[in-house]
Amino acid sequence: MTGTTSDESGAFVEQFEIGPYATGALDGLSFSVKDNIDLAGRPTSFGSPSWRDAHPAPLYNAVCVDQLLAEGATCRGKVVADEFTYSLDGESHFYGTPRNARAPDRIPGGSSSGSAASVANGLVDFSLGTDSGGSVRVPASLCGIWGLRPSLHRISEAGVLPFMPSVSTVGVLANSLVALERPAKVLLKSTGRAVPDVSRILYLQDAFNVADKPVADAALNALERISGASGVSLEAVSFAELVGYDAPLSMCNEAALRNLQTIEFESVVGNWIEAHKPELGFVFSMAYGNVKNFDRVKQMKCLALCEKLFEDINAGLPDGTVVCFPSTPVVAPLKGSLTTLEAVQDFYNRTMTITAFSGVGRFPEISAPLLDVGGIPVGLSFAAGHYKDEFLLKAVGKLVR
């Protein structure tokens, strides 16, 4: 494994080595840990120096970390997370912008920015991140690496600071499909039971319509090649056809996930912020203003809609089916370009229209580094129904190898 130095990457908050507990399925692999995941005796910053300084170091590793160490992997350190993990751009007010190895003048994506950078710059084989609204999938897409958001609660979240407890998952970013599969199977505690073969590929038209045309064209061309090479049928589907009634894909974000995100984030850190008055980054301060002003009367309606969408989306994804779409609607924006309200809203609204689909569906999604738009990477996502993680890993292995 070769790459840039850690100083050049800007990925790490702290570097050290924790050796494996034993030999096992992950012998020879190294990993990094996002800084909202506990490591014993080392402070967890949650992307905020003020949070780090106000909380004692944890006594124990997060369960997911111990699972990896017990199977032979070596931990190389803690990596940068966006402030309170409430971001998709990867430009931290406190820790800087980790280097996007494939496009150094562009953002890496967040909030698992350090996780993606440590992998993309060749410093580790894989990294633990977390994902609520896209925080594994977006940096994987923008940095041209592999990223897995598993089904909700399939990987232990014990010892992990949550952003949205009802949606947040631990995920994996990796430099190859094999380097993704090996830790994923350990973390998922896969039993090896038989799963069906992939028999149908759906491509979600609404997501293609949201994406920039060069991104959408590259994604459709890739899927047509994959279908032709694998012999698996490729069919277009709209979000309305998938759920069985007239509804736009944007409903997953605008009416469901965005509101739930606001409600739960305020519950997780709002009281602490109000009590301690920590230093906040400018962009986060603007976002937090919206959190404080949210009308909580909408909470029950939002929760009911999330449950309905979960049931209806998964009903449209039977065994053997994968649904595909661009992981992000755009290539990585240039560093420092998300400075106006218009630019920020366009990036977040379009990106979360796509990423909220799996968040509300609570199902697994893999961002695969299969697309190239003018020399800049973009991910192609494959998703499957709730708790069909092993099927998805098998399907992606068949379709892209």
Protein backbone atom coordinates (compact mmCIF):
# COMPACT_ATOMS: atom_id res chain seq x y z
CA MET A 1 0.00 0.00 0.00
CA THR A 2 1.51 3.31 -1.09
CA GLY A 3 0.27 6.87 -1.09
CA THR A 4 0.81 10.40 0.15
CA THR A 5 2.06 11.05 3.66
CA SER A 6 -0.41 11.59 6.47
CA ASP A 7 0.61 15.25 6.77
CA GLU A 8 -0.18 15.84 3.11
CA SER A 9 -3.52 14.09 3.35
CA GLY A 10 -4.88 16.10 6.28
CA ALA A 11 -6.91 13.02 7.15
CA PHE A 12 -5.77 12.29 10.69
CA VAL A 13 -6.65 13.91 13.99
CA GLU A 14 -4.22 11.60 15.75
CA GLN A 15 -1.96 8.81 14.48
CA PHE A 16 -0.99 5.76 16.51
CA GLU A 17 -1.08 2.01 16.13
CA ILE A 18 -3.33 -0.48 17.90
CA GLY A 19 -2.27 -3.96 16.98
CA PRO A 20 -4.68 -6.84 16.40
CA TYR A 21 -5.87 -8.98 19.29
CA ALA A 22 -5.53 -12.17 17.26
CA THR A 23 -5.18 -13.48 13.74
CA GLY A 24 -8.27 -13.88 11.63
CA ALA A 25 -10.21 -12.86 8.55
CA LEU A 26 -8.63 -9.37 8.43
CA ASP A 27 -4.95 -10.31 8.75
CA GLY A 28 -2.74 -7.78 6.98
CA LEU A 29 -5.37 -5.04 6.71
CA SER A 30 -5.11 -1.62 8.35
CA PHE A 31 -7.90 0.81 9.14
CA SER A 32 -8.67 4.26 10.52
CA VAL A 33 -11.54 5.36 12.75
CA LYS A 34 -13.79 8.39 12.35
CA ASP A 35 -13.60 10.74 15.32
CA ASN A 36 -17.12 10.07 16.57
CA ILE A 37 -16.25 6.41 17.26
CA ASP A 38 -14.73 5.59 20.64
CA LEU A 39 -11.20 4.31 21.16
CA ALA A 40 -10.27 3.52 24.77
CA GLY A 41 -8.21 6.23 26.47
CA ARG A 42 -8.38 8.63 23.51
CA PRO A 43 -10.79 11.58 23.42
CA THR A 44 -13.64 11.53 20.93
CA SER A 45 -14.13 14.99 19.46
CA PHE A 46 -17.33 14.56 17.41
CA GLY A 47 -15.66 16.99 14.99
CA SER A 48 -15.57 19.70 17.68
CA PRO A 49 -12.57 20.58 19.89
CA SER A 50 -15.00 22.03 22.45
CA TRP A 51 -16.85 18.72 22.70
CA ARG A 52 -13.53 16.88 23.02
CA ASP A 53 -12.33 19.10 25.85
CA ALA A 54 -15.63 18.87 27.75
CA HIS A 55 -15.87 15.08 27.81
CA PRO A 56 -13.63 12.43 29.38
CA ALA A 57 -11.86 9.92 27.18
CA PRO A 58 -13.87 6.71 26.81
CA LEU A 59 -12.86 3.67 28.84
CA TYR A 60 -13.60 1.18 26.10
CA ASN A 61 -13.39 0.79 22.35
CA ALA A 62 -16.56 0.88 20.32
CA VAL A 63 -17.76 -2.66 19.64
CA CYS A 64 -17.15 -2.30 15.90
CA VAL A 65 -13.49 -1.46 16.55
CA ASP A 66 -13.01 -4.50 18.78
CA GLN A 67 -14.61 -6.71 16.14
CA LEU A 68 -11.97 -5.64 13.62
CA LEU A 69 -9.03 -5.96 16.01
CA ALA A 70 -10.22 -9.42 17.03
CA GLU A 71 -10.03 -10.54 13.39
CA GLY A 72 -6.46 -9.41 12.75
CA ALA A 73 -6.79 -5.80 11.54
CA THR A 74 -4.49 -2.99 12.73
CA CYS A 75 -5.83 0.46 13.67
CA ARG A 76 -3.68 3.36 12.41
CA GLY A 77 -5.44 6.27 14.11
CA LYS A 78 -8.40 8.62 14.35
CA VAL A 79 -9.47 10.69 11.36
CA VAL A 80 -11.24 13.99 10.80
CA ALA A 81 -15.02 14.29 10.99
CA ASP A 82 -17.04 17.35 10.08
CA GLU A 83 -18.39 19.40 13.00
CA PHE A 84 -20.83 17.21 14.97
CA THR A 85 -20.90 15.14 11.74
CA TYR A 86 -23.52 17.61 10.47
CA SER A 87 -22.17 18.17 6.95
CA LEU A 88 -21.68 16.57 3.56
CA ASP A 89 -18.87 18.76 2.23
CA GLY A 90 -15.80 17.83 4.29
CA GLU A 91 -14.54 21.37 4.87
CA SER A 92 -14.00 21.52 8.64
CA HIS A 93 -13.75 24.88 10.38
CA PHE A 94 -11.46 23.31 13.00
CA TYR A 95 -9.51 20.57 11.23
CA GLY A 96 -9.27 21.81 7.66
CA THR A 97 -10.16 20.00 4.45
CA PRO A 98 -8.68 16.52 3.99
CA ARG A 99 -7.08 15.93 0.60
CA ASN A 100 -9.18 14.44 -2.18
CA ALA A 101 -6.47 12.30 -3.81
CA ARG A 102 -8.25 11.94 -7.15
CA ALA A 103 -9.13 15.65 -7.38
CA PRO A 104 -6.87 17.66 -5.04
CA ASP A 105 -8.50 21.00 -5.88
CA ARG A 106 -11.92 19.68 -4.88
CA ILE A 107 -13.67 18.84 -1.62
CA PRO A 108 -13.57 15.26 -0.29
CA GLY A 109 -17.18 15.20 0.89
CA GLY A 110 -18.29 14.60 4.46
CA SER A 111 -18.91 14.06 7.16
CA SER A 112 -16.58 11.03 6.98
CA SER A 113 -14.02 13.20 5.20
CA GLY A 114 -10.95 11.91 7.03
CA SER A 115 -12.10 8.32 6.56
CA ALA A 116 -12.32 8.82 2.80
CA ALA A 117 -9.04 10.73 2.60
CA SER A 118 -7.10 8.16 4.62
CA VAL A 119 -8.25 5.46 2.21
CA ALA A 120 -7.99 7.44 -1.03
CA ASN A 121 -4.48 8.65 -0.17
CA GLY A 122 -3.31 5.07 0.40
CA LEU A 123 -2.71 5.38 4.14
CA VAL A 124 -5.03 2.55 5.20
CA ASP A 125 -6.91 -0.26 3.47
CA PHE A 126 -10.29 0.70 4.88
CA SER A 127 -11.89 3.06 7.37
CA LEU A 128 -14.84 3.12 9.74
CA GLY A 129 -17.22 6.01 9.11
CA THR A 130 -20.81 6.80 9.97
CA ASP A 131 -23.73 7.62 7.69
CA SER A 132 -27.07 9.31 8.29
CA GLY A 133 -27.83 11.52 5.30
CA GLY A 134 -24.94 10.31 3.14
CA SER A 135 -21.80 10.74 5.25
CA VAL A 136 -20.16 7.53 3.97
CA ARG A 137 -21.62 7.45 0.48
CA VAL A 138 -20.94 11.07 -0.47
CA PRO A 139 -17.19 11.09 0.35
CA ALA A 140 -16.82 7.65 -1.22
CA SER A 141 -18.38 8.99 -4.41
CA LEU A 142 -16.42 12.25 -4.52
CA CYS A 143 -13.07 10.59 -3.69
CA GLY A 144 -13.47 7.63 -6.04
CA ILE A 145 -13.41 4.82 -3.46
CA TRP A 146 -15.83 2.15 -2.23
CA GLY A 147 -18.38 2.95 0.46
CA LEU A 148 -20.97 0.84 2.29
CA ARG A 149 -23.93 2.11 4.28
CA PRO A 150 -25.42 -1.08 5.80
CA SER A 151 -29.00 -1.68 6.86
CA LEU A 152 -29.94 0.24 9.98
CA HIS A 153 -28.61 -1.50 13.13
CA ARG A 154 -26.88 -4.32 11.22
CA ILE A 155 -23.52 -3.10 12.59
CA SER A 156 -23.19 -2.37 16.30
CA GLU A 157 -23.40 1.32 17.21
CA ALA A 158 -22.29 0.80 20.83
CA GLY A 159 -19.57 3.36 21.54
CA VAL A 160 -20.51 5.55 18.57
CA LEU A 161 -21.78 9.13 18.94
CA PRO A 162 -25.00 9.27 16.91
CA PHE A 163 -26.07 12.11 14.67
CA MET A 164 -29.56 10.69 14.05
CA PRO A 165 -30.16 7.65 16.27
CA SER A 166 -33.06 6.35 14.18
CA VAL A 167 -31.12 6.57 10.90
CA SER A 168 -27.37 6.64 11.68
CA THR A 169 -25.25 3.61 10.85
CA VAL A 170 -21.60 2.63 11.07
CA GLY A 171 -20.23 2.19 7.55
CA VAL A 172 -17.06 1.17 5.75
CA LEU A 173 -14.96 2.98 3.15
CA ALA A 174 -12.31 0.99 1.28
CA ASN A 175 -9.81 1.10 -1.56
CA SER A 176 -11.14 -2.02 -3.31
CA LEU A 177 -14.19 -4.24 -3.34
CA VAL A 178 -12.24 -6.98 -1.56
CA ALA A 179 -11.08 -4.52 1.12
CA LEU A 180 -14.73 -3.54 1.57
CA GLU A 181 -16.11 -7.08 1.67
CA ARG A 182 -13.69 -8.46 4.25
CA PRO A 183 -14.45 -6.04 7.13
CA ALA A 184 -18.10 -5.78 6.11
CA LYS A 185 -18.61 -9.51 6.60
CA VAL A 186 -16.95 -9.33 10.02
CA LEU A 187 -19.01 -6.33 11.14
CA LEU A 188 -22.26 -7.75 9.76
CA LYS A 189 -21.49 -11.05 11.49
CA SER A 190 -22.45 -12.80 8.27
CA THR A 191 -23.40 -16.43 8.76
CA GLY A 192 -22.71 -17.66 5.24
CA ARG A 193 -26.33 -18.65 4.72
CA ALA A 194 -27.51 -18.87 1.13
CA VAL A 195 -28.77 -15.69 -0.51
CA PRO A 196 -30.45 -15.38 -3.91
CA ASP A 197 -28.66 -14.40 -7.08
CA VAL A 198 -29.30 -10.97 -8.55
CA SER A 199 -32.01 -11.27 -11.19
CA ARG A 200 -33.01 -7.68 -11.95
CA ILE A 201 -31.41 -4.24 -11.99
CA LEU A 202 -33.69 -1.24 -11.62
CA TYR A 203 -32.42 2.25 -12.28
CA LEU A 204 -34.20 4.99 -10.37
CA GLN A 205 -35.19 7.61 -12.94
CA ASP A 206 -35.86 10.36 -10.41
CA ALA A 207 -32.25 10.22 -9.18
CA PHE A 208 -30.93 10.41 -12.74
CA ASN A 209 -33.15 13.45 -13.35
CA VAL A 210 -31.68 15.22 -10.30
CA ALA A 211 -28.08 14.59 -11.41
CA ASP A 212 -26.03 16.73 -13.77
CA LYS A 213 -26.42 15.36 -17.30
CA PRO A 214 -22.79 14.18 -17.65
CA VAL A 215 -23.12 12.27 -14.36
CA ALA A 216 -26.47 10.74 -15.35
CA ASP A 217 -25.17 9.76 -18.79
CA ALA A 218 -22.06 8.13 -17.33
CA ALA A 219 -24.18 6.19 -14.83
CA LEU A 220 -26.64 4.90 -17.43
CA ASN A 221 -23.84 3.92 -19.81
CA ALA A 222 -22.14 1.99 -17.01
CA LEU A 223 -25.36 0.17 -16.11
CA GLU A 224 -25.99 -0.78 -19.72
CA ARG A 225 -22.49 -2.26 -19.91
CA ILE A 226 -22.99 -4.10 -16.62
CA SER A 227 -26.34 -5.49 -17.74
CA GLY A 228 -24.92 -6.62 -21.07
CA ALA A 229 -21.89 -8.30 -19.51
CA SER A 230 -23.80 -10.01 -16.70
CA GLY A 231 -26.97 -10.94 -18.54
CA VAL A 232 -29.08 -9.37 -15.76
CA SER A 233 -32.04 -7.34 -17.05
CA LEU A 234 -32.01 -3.56 -16.69
CA GLU A 235 -35.30 -1.69 -16.21
CA ALA A 236 -36.20 1.93 -15.52
CA VAL A 237 -38.43 2.69 -12.54
CA SER A 238 -39.76 5.93 -11.12
CA PHE A 239 -40.08 6.50 -7.41
CA ALA A 240 -43.87 6.66 -7.84
CA GLU A 241 -43.87 3.25 -9.55
CA LEU A 242 -41.67 1.82 -6.82
CA VAL A 243 -43.95 2.87 -3.95
CA GLY A 244 -47.23 2.47 -5.85
CA TYR A 245 -48.60 6.01 -5.66
CA ASP A 246 -47.90 9.49 -6.99
CA ALA A 247 -44.93 10.80 -5.02
CA PRO A 248 -41.58 12.38 -5.93
CA LEU A 249 -38.22 11.05 -4.74
CA SER A 250 -37.64 14.40 -3.04
CA MET A 251 -40.32 13.45 -0.50
CA CYS A 252 -37.75 11.20 1.19
CA ASN A 253 -35.67 14.25 2.03
CA GLU A 254 -37.90 17.31 2.13
CA ALA A 255 -40.85 15.83 4.02
CA ALA A 256 -39.14 13.02 5.91
CA LEU A 257 -35.39 12.73 6.50
CA ARG A 258 -34.58 16.45 6.67
CA ASN A 259 -37.21 17.05 9.35
CA LEU A 260 -36.25 13.91 11.27
CA GLN A 261 -32.61 14.98 11.07
CA THR A 262 -33.44 18.34 12.58
CA ILE A 263 -35.53 16.86 15.39
CA GLU A 264 -33.03 14.19 16.40
CA PHE A 265 -29.90 16.30 16.07
CA GLU A 266 -31.36 18.92 18.40
CA SER A 267 -32.15 16.18 20.90
CA VAL A 268 -28.62 14.72 20.70
CA VAL A 269 -26.52 17.89 21.10
CA GLY A 270 -28.86 20.87 21.35
CA ASN A 271 -29.02 21.01 25.14
CA TRP A 272 -25.25 20.63 25.40
CA ILE A 273 -24.63 23.46 22.93
CA GLU A 274 -27.08 25.75 24.72
CA ALA A 275 -25.52 24.99 28.12
CA HIS A 276 -21.84 25.17 27.16
CA LYS A 277 -21.86 27.80 24.39
CA PRO A 278 -18.94 26.18 22.52
CA GLU A 279 -17.08 27.76 19.64
CA LEU A 280 -18.93 26.86 16.46
CA GLY A 281 -17.87 27.03 12.84
CA PHE A 282 -19.67 29.57 10.65
CA VAL A 283 -21.41 27.06 8.37
CA PHE A 284 -22.49 24.89 11.28
CA SER A 285 -23.80 27.95 13.12
CA MET A 286 -26.13 28.72 10.21
CA ALA A 287 -27.37 25.13 10.10
CA TYR A 288 -27.87 25.04 13.85
CA GLY A 289 -30.01 28.16 13.65
CA ASN A 290 -32.45 26.20 11.51
CA VAL A 291 -32.38 23.35 14.04
CA LYS A 292 -33.31 25.65 16.93
CA ASN A 293 -36.16 27.24 14.99
CA PHE A 294 -37.77 23.99 13.81
CA ASP A 295 -41.45 23.57 14.65
CA ARG A 296 -41.53 20.37 16.72
CA VAL A 297 -45.30 20.10 16.21
CA LYS A 298 -44.33 18.47 12.90
CA GLN A 299 -42.51 15.63 14.69
CA MET A 300 -45.27 13.01 14.82
CA LYS A 301 -46.34 13.63 11.22
CA CYS A 302 -42.71 13.29 10.13
CA LEU A 303 -42.23 10.03 12.03
CA ALA A 304 -45.41 8.57 10.56
CA LEU A 305 -44.30 9.48 7.04
CA CYS A 306 -40.88 7.91 7.60
CA GLU A 307 -42.52 4.65 8.68
CA LYS A 308 -44.83 4.65 5.66
CA LEU A 309 -41.99 5.32 3.23
CA PHE A 310 -39.90 2.58 4.84
CA GLU A 311 -42.66 0.03 4.28
CA ASP A 312 -43.63 1.18 0.79
CA ILE A 313 -40.10 1.44 -0.62
CA ASN A 314 -39.07 -1.97 0.67
CA ALA A 315 -42.24 -3.55 -0.71
CA GLY A 316 -40.99 -2.49 -4.15
CA LEU A 317 -37.60 -4.21 -3.70
CA PRO A 318 -38.25 -7.98 -3.67
CA ASP A 319 -35.57 -10.68 -3.45
CA GLY A 320 -33.12 -10.66 -6.34
CA THR A 321 -33.58 -6.95 -7.10
CA VAL A 322 -30.99 -4.18 -6.90
CA VAL A 323 -31.81 -0.54 -7.55
CA CYS A 324 -29.12 1.75 -8.97
CA PHE A 325 -28.50 5.48 -9.28
CA PRO A 326 -25.62 8.00 -9.18
CA SER A 327 -24.28 8.15 -5.61
CA THR A 328 -24.12 11.93 -5.88
CA PRO A 329 -25.70 14.21 -8.50
CA VAL A 330 -22.45 16.08 -9.11
CA VAL A 331 -18.70 15.62 -9.17
CA ALA A 332 -16.86 17.04 -6.17
CA PRO A 333 -17.27 20.83 -6.03
CA LEU A 334 -14.13 22.94 -5.97
CA LYS A 335 -12.73 23.77 -2.54
CA GLY A 336 -14.21 26.98 -1.19
CA SER A 337 -16.98 27.07 -3.79
CA LEU A 338 -19.81 26.39 -1.33
CA THR A 339 -19.77 29.90 0.06
CA THR A 340 -23.12 31.32 -1.03
CA LEU A 341 -26.52 30.26 0.23
CA GLU A 342 -27.56 29.39 -3.31
CA ALA A 343 -24.55 27.11 -3.87
CA VAL A 344 -24.97 25.39 -0.50
CA GLN A 345 -28.69 24.81 -1.02
CA ASP A 346 -28.21 23.42 -4.52
CA PHE A 347 -25.51 20.96 -3.40
CA TYR A 348 -27.36 19.78 -0.30
CA ASN A 349 -30.88 19.67 -1.74
CA ARG A 350 -29.91 17.68 -4.82
CA THR A 351 -27.48 15.41 -2.99
CA MET A 352 -29.89 14.58 -0.18
CA THR A 353 -32.73 13.97 -2.62
CA ILE A 354 -30.65 10.95 -3.65
CA THR A 355 -29.06 9.94 -0.34
CA ALA A 356 -32.28 10.16 1.70
CA PHE A 357 -33.69 7.26 -0.34
CA SER A 358 -31.60 4.64 1.47
CA GLY A 359 -31.77 6.54 4.74
CA VAL A 360 -35.56 6.42 4.86
CA GLY A 361 -35.53 2.88 3.43
CA ARG A 362 -33.05 1.79 6.14
CA PHE A 363 -31.47 -0.56 3.62
CA PRO A 364 -27.91 -1.20 2.43
CA GLU A 365 -26.25 0.85 -0.29
CA ILE A 366 -22.82 0.47 -1.85
CA SER A 367 -21.19 3.37 -3.68
CA ALA A 368 -18.85 1.88 -6.30
CA PRO A 369 -16.10 4.00 -7.95
CA LEU A 370 -17.17 3.14 -11.49
CA LEU A 371 -17.82 6.54 -13.07
CA ASP A 372 -15.53 9.20 -14.49
CA VAL A 373 -16.73 12.60 -15.64
CA GLY A 374 -13.99 14.65 -17.24
CA GLY A 375 -11.33 12.88 -15.20
CA ILE A 376 -13.19 13.38 -11.91
CA PRO A 377 -14.65 10.35 -10.08
CA VAL A 378 -18.28 9.82 -9.18
CA GLY A 379 -19.84 6.79 -7.53
CA LEU A 380 -22.50 4.50 -8.92
CA SER A 381 -24.75 3.20 -6.16
CA PHE A 382 -26.30 -0.23 -5.77
CA ALA A 383 -29.00 -0.74 -3.12
CA ALA A 384 -31.21 -3.61 -1.99
CA GLY A 385 -34.05 -4.15 0.45
CA HIS A 386 -33.85 -3.83 4.22
CA TYR A 387 -31.53 -6.41 5.86
CA LYS A 388 -30.45 -7.77 2.47
CA ASP A 389 -26.83 -6.74 3.07
CA GLU A 390 -25.26 -10.11 2.21
CA PHE A 391 -27.34 -10.29 -0.96
CA LEU A 392 -26.15 -6.81 -1.97
CA LEU A 393 -22.49 -7.69 -1.42
CA LYS A 394 -22.92 -10.84 -3.52
CA ALA A 395 -24.82 -8.97 -6.25
CA VAL A 396 -22.26 -6.19 -6.55
CA GLY A 397 -19.48 -8.76 -6.65
CA LYS A 398 -21.17 -10.48 -9.58
CA LEU A 399 -22.08 -7.32 -11.46
CA VAL A 400 -18.83 -5.35 -11.29
CA ARG A 401 -16.04 -7.94 -11.17
